[in-house]
Amino acid sequence: MDTSESISLVLSRSLCGSQGIYDAYVERLGNGLPTRDENARSHFCAYFLPFNMESRRVFVVHHKKSGLWLSPGGHIDSGETLLQAVNREIGEELGVKNFFKGEARPFLLTITRIENVMLSCKEHYDVWFLLLTAATSTSIVLNSTRYGGSRLMRREKLLAIQQTSRR
């Protein structure tokens, strides 16, 4: 199975916030070249949202390069399936190998426009996975070359931080 096929298998209108996002996903998949190696301007990414059910908080990381508090994840590499990509990202960023075994279903599909003129990357087609965890921010080992810190945050606090950092 190739990258495009693995994304096509999870593509569902119910995962998109609008018909427009769904249509854009279908069109983008039809264009081929889904990875950053194949298309530096527009490509697919795999993100995961660690969520602690007990505390009702999400785990976010402070990305050094962007200066933003983000959910972990990243680009799908050439030749990877979606499952391979999300497992690789979890391994690289949190040190947990092969978290998802077998089938993993995303919970959300989004499109992120990149407005940084210094980057050739202008558009991410983001596939989001929920990672249920009992971990705390101090029990997770981060990739310190990418991230300057981590927090468990309530949704409202995360939204407030994101709004502040966009100004």
C-alpha atoms as a PDB file:
ATOM      1  CA  MET A   1       0.000   0.000   0.000  1.00  0.00           C
ATOM      2  CA  ASP A   2       1.334   3.448  -0.846  1.00  0.00           C
ATOM      3  CA  THR A   3       0.893   6.798   0.893  1.00  0.00           C
ATOM      4  CA  SER A   4      -2.051   8.022  -1.200  1.00  0.00           C
ATOM      5  CA  GLU A   5      -3.911   4.743  -0.872  1.00  0.00           C
ATOM      6  CA  SER A   6      -3.470   4.665   2.916  1.00  0.00           C
ATOM      7  CA  ILE A   7      -4.898   8.199   3.161  1.00  0.00           C
ATOM      8  CA  SER A   8      -7.754   7.389   0.769  1.00  0.00           C
ATOM      9  CA  LEU A   9      -8.809   4.504   3.009  1.00  0.00           C
ATOM     10  CA  VAL A  10      -9.452   6.843   5.969  1.00  0.00           C
ATOM     11  CA  LEU A  11     -10.869   9.784   4.012  1.00  0.00           C
ATOM     12  CA  SER A  12     -14.411  10.458   5.191  1.00  0.00           C
ATOM     13  CA  ARG A  13     -16.652  13.507   4.999  1.00  0.00           C
ATOM     14  CA  SER A  14     -17.491  13.021   8.696  1.00  0.00           C
ATOM     15  CA  LEU A  15     -13.844  13.736   9.643  1.00  0.00           C
ATOM     16  CA  CYS A  16     -13.828  17.096   7.857  1.00  0.00           C
ATOM     17  CA  GLY A  17     -15.212  20.327   9.258  1.00  0.00           C
ATOM     18  CA  SER A  18     -16.880  21.138   5.953  1.00  0.00           C
ATOM     19  CA  GLN A  19     -17.669  19.815   2.513  1.00  0.00           C
ATOM     20  CA  GLY A  20     -14.999  22.197   1.181  1.00  0.00           C
ATOM     21  CA  ILE A  21     -12.256  20.504   3.223  1.00  0.00           C
ATOM     22  CA  TYR A  22     -13.435  17.079   2.093  1.00  0.00           C
ATOM     23  CA  ASP A  23     -13.469  18.186  -1.562  1.00  0.00           C
ATOM     24  CA  ALA A  24      -9.974  19.694  -1.201  1.00  0.00           C
ATOM     25  CA  TYR A  25      -8.671  16.391   0.249  1.00  0.00           C
ATOM     26  CA  VAL A  26     -10.184  14.419  -2.630  1.00  0.00           C
ATOM     27  CA  GLU A  27      -8.696  16.825  -5.182  1.00  0.00           C
ATOM     28  CA  ARG A  28      -5.275  16.887  -3.493  1.00  0.00           C
ATOM     29  CA  LEU A  29      -5.123  13.077  -3.332  1.00  0.00           C
ATOM     30  CA  GLY A  30      -6.061  12.955  -7.021  1.00  0.00           C
ATOM     31  CA  ASN A  31      -3.092  15.190  -7.842  1.00  0.00           C
ATOM     32  CA  GLY A  32      -0.658  12.583  -6.460  1.00  0.00           C
ATOM     33  CA  LEU A  33       2.783  13.359  -4.995  1.00  0.00           C
ATOM     34  CA  PRO A  34       1.493  13.357  -1.386  1.00  0.00           C
ATOM     35  CA  THR A  35       4.769  13.671   0.549  1.00  0.00           C
ATOM     36  CA  ARG A  36       7.081  16.608   1.197  1.00  0.00           C
ATOM     37  CA  ASP A  37       9.849  14.795  -0.702  1.00  0.00           C
ATOM     38  CA  GLU A  38       7.599  14.712  -3.776  1.00  0.00           C
ATOM     39  CA  ASN A  39       5.903  18.099  -3.391  1.00  0.00           C
ATOM     40  CA  ALA A  40       7.565  20.634  -1.102  1.00  0.00           C
ATOM     41  CA  ARG A  41       4.719  23.142  -1.487  1.00  0.00           C
ATOM     42  CA  SER A  42       1.677  20.994  -0.596  1.00  0.00           C
ATOM     43  CA  HIS A  43       1.763  17.662   1.216  1.00  0.00           C
ATOM     44  CA  PHE A  44       0.192  15.438   3.861  1.00  0.00           C
ATOM     45  CA  CYS A  45       1.142  15.310   7.540  1.00  0.00           C
ATOM     46  CA  ALA A  46       0.322  12.991  10.422  1.00  0.00           C
ATOM     47  CA  TYR A  47      -0.403  14.593  13.796  1.00  0.00           C
ATOM     48  CA  PHE A  48      -1.395  13.033  17.068  1.00  0.00           C
ATOM     49  CA  LEU A  49      -3.178  14.583  19.981  1.00  0.00           C
ATOM     50  CA  PRO A  50      -2.184  13.014  23.308  1.00  0.00           C
ATOM     51  CA  PHE A  51      -5.219  13.279  25.572  1.00  0.00           C
ATOM     52  CA  ASN A  52      -5.342  12.433  29.270  1.00  0.00           C
ATOM     53  CA  MET A  53      -8.898  11.277  29.921  1.00  0.00           C
ATOM     54  CA  GLU A  54      -8.621  11.583  33.697  1.00  0.00           C
ATOM     55  CA  SER A  55      -7.490  15.221  33.727  1.00  0.00           C
ATOM     56  CA  ARG A  56      -9.358  16.090  30.472  1.00  0.00           C
ATOM     57  CA  ARG A  57      -6.219  17.802  29.192  1.00  0.00           C
ATOM     58  CA  VAL A  58      -4.286  17.659  25.959  1.00  0.00           C
ATOM     59  CA  PHE A  59      -0.528  17.312  25.786  1.00  0.00           C
ATOM     60  CA  VAL A  60       1.150  20.030  23.732  1.00  0.00           C
ATOM     61  CA  VAL A  61       4.749  20.862  22.959  1.00  0.00           C
ATOM     62  CA  HIS A  62       6.532  24.176  22.449  1.00  0.00           C
ATOM     63  CA  HIS A  63       8.004  23.933  18.954  1.00  0.00           C
ATOM     64  CA  LYS A  64      11.367  25.734  18.904  1.00  0.00           C
ATOM     65  CA  LYS A  65      11.365  26.562  15.195  1.00  0.00           C
ATOM     66  CA  SER A  66       7.837  27.997  15.027  1.00  0.00           C
ATOM     67  CA  GLY A  67       7.695  29.373  18.575  1.00  0.00           C
ATOM     68  CA  LEU A  68       4.172  27.942  18.931  1.00  0.00           C
ATOM     69  CA  TRP A  69       2.503  25.498  21.308  1.00  0.00           C
ATOM     70  CA  LEU A  70       1.469  22.622  19.060  1.00  0.00           C
ATOM     71  CA  SER A  71       0.308  19.070  19.029  1.00  0.00           C
ATOM     72  CA  PRO A  72       3.148  16.704  18.041  1.00  0.00           C
ATOM     73  CA  GLY A  73       3.411  15.251  14.547  1.00  0.00           C
ATOM     74  CA  GLY A  74       4.962  15.979  11.202  1.00  0.00           C
ATOM     75  CA  HIS A  75       5.420  15.227   7.535  1.00  0.00           C
ATOM     76  CA  ILE A  76       4.758  11.855   5.973  1.00  0.00           C
ATOM     77  CA  ASP A  77       7.962  10.564   4.395  1.00  0.00           C
ATOM     78  CA  SER A  78       8.166   9.152   0.882  1.00  0.00           C
ATOM     79  CA  GLY A  79       7.122   5.498   0.794  1.00  0.00           C
ATOM     80  CA  GLU A  80       5.368   5.561   4.172  1.00  0.00           C
ATOM     81  CA  THR A  81       1.780   4.652   4.844  1.00  0.00           C
ATOM     82  CA  LEU A  82      -0.220   6.875   7.147  1.00  0.00           C
ATOM     83  CA  LEU A  83       0.090   4.340   9.995  1.00  0.00           C
ATOM     84  CA  GLN A  84       3.860   4.087   9.535  1.00  0.00           C
ATOM     85  CA  ALA A  85       4.151   7.883   9.560  1.00  0.00           C
ATOM     86  CA  VAL A  86       2.134   8.455  12.740  1.00  0.00           C
ATOM     87  CA  ASN A  87       3.999   5.653  14.535  1.00  0.00           C
ATOM     88  CA  ARG A  88       7.356   7.075  13.398  1.00  0.00           C
ATOM     89  CA  GLU A  89       6.357  10.551  14.611  1.00  0.00           C
ATOM     90  CA  ILE A  90       5.248   9.207  18.001  1.00  0.00           C
ATOM     91  CA  GLY A  91       8.564   7.354  18.256  1.00  0.00           C
ATOM     92  CA  GLU A  92      10.664  10.372  17.244  1.00  0.00           C
ATOM     93  CA  GLU A  93       8.843  12.882  19.394  1.00  0.00           C
ATOM     94  CA  LEU A  94       7.801  10.907  22.468  1.00  0.00           C
ATOM     95  CA  GLY A  95      10.092   7.883  22.361  1.00  0.00           C
ATOM     96  CA  VAL A  96       7.227   5.358  22.154  1.00  0.00           C
ATOM     97  CA  LYS A  97       7.728   2.779  19.392  1.00  0.00           C
ATOM     98  CA  ASN A  98       4.812   1.362  17.376  1.00  0.00           C
ATOM     99  CA  PHE A  99       2.080   2.898  19.535  1.00  0.00           C
ATOM    100  CA  PHE A 100      -0.681   2.025  17.075  1.00  0.00           C
ATOM    101  CA  LYS A 101      -0.847  -1.652  16.212  1.00  0.00           C
ATOM    102  CA  GLY A 102      -2.878  -2.710  13.214  1.00  0.00           C
ATOM    103  CA  GLU A 103      -5.563  -0.254  12.230  1.00  0.00           C
ATOM    104  CA  ALA A 104      -5.595   3.306  13.562  1.00  0.00           C
ATOM    105  CA  ARG A 105      -8.443   5.614  12.628  1.00  0.00           C
ATOM    106  CA  PRO A 106      -7.999   9.389  12.551  1.00  0.00           C
ATOM    107  CA  PHE A 107     -10.549  11.617  14.242  1.00  0.00           C
ATOM    108  CA  LEU A 108     -10.060  14.775  12.172  1.00  0.00           C
ATOM    109  CA  LEU A 109      -8.804  16.042   8.803  1.00  0.00           C
ATOM    110  CA  THR A 110      -7.694  19.672   8.479  1.00  0.00           C
ATOM    111  CA  ILE A 111      -5.836  21.893   6.042  1.00  0.00           C
ATOM    112  CA  THR A 112      -3.232  24.335   7.350  1.00  0.00           C
ATOM    113  CA  ARG A 113      -2.036  27.223   5.210  1.00  0.00           C
ATOM    114  CA  ILE A 114       1.611  28.133   5.889  1.00  0.00           C
ATOM    115  CA  GLU A 115       2.253  31.855   5.514  1.00  0.00           C
ATOM    116  CA  ASN A 116       5.971  31.962   6.326  1.00  0.00           C
ATOM    117  CA  VAL A 117       7.690  33.464   3.268  1.00  0.00           C
ATOM    118  CA  MET A 118      10.964  31.785   4.284  1.00  0.00           C
ATOM    119  CA  LEU A 119       9.486  28.306   3.757  1.00  0.00           C
ATOM    120  CA  SER A 120       8.694  26.571   0.485  1.00  0.00           C
ATOM    121  CA  CYS A 121       5.958  24.661   2.305  1.00  0.00           C
ATOM    122  CA  LYS A 122       2.627  26.470   1.855  1.00  0.00           C
ATOM    123  CA  GLU A 123      -0.042  23.881   2.620  1.00  0.00           C
ATOM    124  CA  HIS A 124      -0.407  20.914   4.987  1.00  0.00           C
ATOM    125  CA  TYR A 125      -3.157  18.350   4.673  1.00  0.00           C
ATOM    126  CA  ASP A 126      -3.201  17.206   8.293  1.00  0.00           C
ATOM    127  CA  VAL A 127      -4.510  13.812   9.382  1.00  0.00           C
ATOM    128  CA  TRP A 128      -5.150  13.772  13.162  1.00  0.00           C
ATOM    129  CA  PHE A 129      -5.035  10.774  15.483  1.00  0.00           C
ATOM    130  CA  LEU A 130      -6.141  10.669  19.116  1.00  0.00           C
ATOM    131  CA  LEU A 131      -3.586   9.152  21.475  1.00  0.00           C
ATOM    132  CA  LEU A 132      -5.268   8.315  24.782  1.00  0.00           C
ATOM    133  CA  THR A 133      -2.766   8.399  27.617  1.00  0.00           C
ATOM    134  CA  ALA A 134      -2.479   8.395  31.379  1.00  0.00           C
ATOM    135  CA  ALA A 135       0.886  10.136  31.085  1.00  0.00           C
ATOM    136  CA  THR A 136       1.687  13.470  32.650  1.00  0.00           C
ATOM    137  CA  SER A 137       3.823  16.152  31.019  1.00  0.00           C
ATOM    138  CA  THR A 138       6.722  15.214  33.303  1.00  0.00           C
ATOM    139  CA  SER A 139       6.506  11.494  32.480  1.00  0.00           C
ATOM    140  CA  ILE A 140       6.929  11.963  28.718  1.00  0.00           C
ATOM    141  CA  VAL A 141      10.414  12.121  27.229  1.00  0.00           C
ATOM    142  CA  LEU A 142      10.535  14.784  24.515  1.00  0.00           C
ATOM    143  CA  ASN A 143      12.784  15.257  21.530  1.00  0.00           C
ATOM    144  CA  SER A 144      14.730  18.237  22.946  1.00  0.00           C
ATOM    145  CA  THR A 145      16.165  19.278  19.567  1.00  0.00           C
ATOM    146  CA  ARG A 146      12.657  20.180  18.343  1.00  0.00           C
ATOM    147  CA  TYR A 147      10.847  21.134  21.509  1.00  0.00           C
ATOM    148  CA  GLY A 148      11.527  23.573  24.297  1.00  0.00           C
ATOM    149  CA  GLY A 149       8.943  22.211  26.684  1.00  0.00           C
ATOM    150  CA  SER A 150       5.616  20.510  27.114  1.00  0.00           C
ATOM    151  CA  ARG A 151       2.397  20.950  29.047  1.00  0.00           C
ATOM    152  CA  LEU A 152      -0.890  19.280  29.728  1.00  0.00           C
ATOM    153  CA  MET A 153      -3.492  21.963  29.034  1.00  0.00           C
ATOM    154  CA  ARG A 154      -7.199  22.372  29.038  1.00  0.00           C
ATOM    155  CA  ARG A 155      -8.622  23.249  25.647  1.00  0.00           C
ATOM    156  CA  GLU A 156      -9.502  26.819  26.670  1.00  0.00           C
ATOM    157  CA  LYS A 157      -5.950  27.582  27.832  1.00  0.00           C
ATOM    158  CA  LEU A 158      -4.478  26.149  24.626  1.00  0.00           C
ATOM    159  CA  LEU A 159      -6.790  28.290  22.480  1.00  0.00           C
ATOM    160  CA  ALA A 160      -5.815  31.406  24.459  1.00  0.00           C
ATOM    161  CA  ILE A 161      -2.094  30.687  23.995  1.00  0.00           C
ATOM    162  CA  GLN A 162      -2.562  30.080  20.266  1.00  0.00           C
ATOM    163  CA  GLN A 163      -4.436  33.358  19.849  1.00  0.00           C
ATOM    164  CA  THR A 164      -1.692  35.276  21.698  1.00  0.00           C
ATOM    165  CA  SER A 165       1.114  33.737  19.635  1.00  0.00           C
ATOM    166  CA  ARG A 166      -0.585  34.667  16.332  1.00  0.00           C
ATOM    167  CA  ARG A 167      -0.530  38.398  17.100  1.00  0.00           C
END
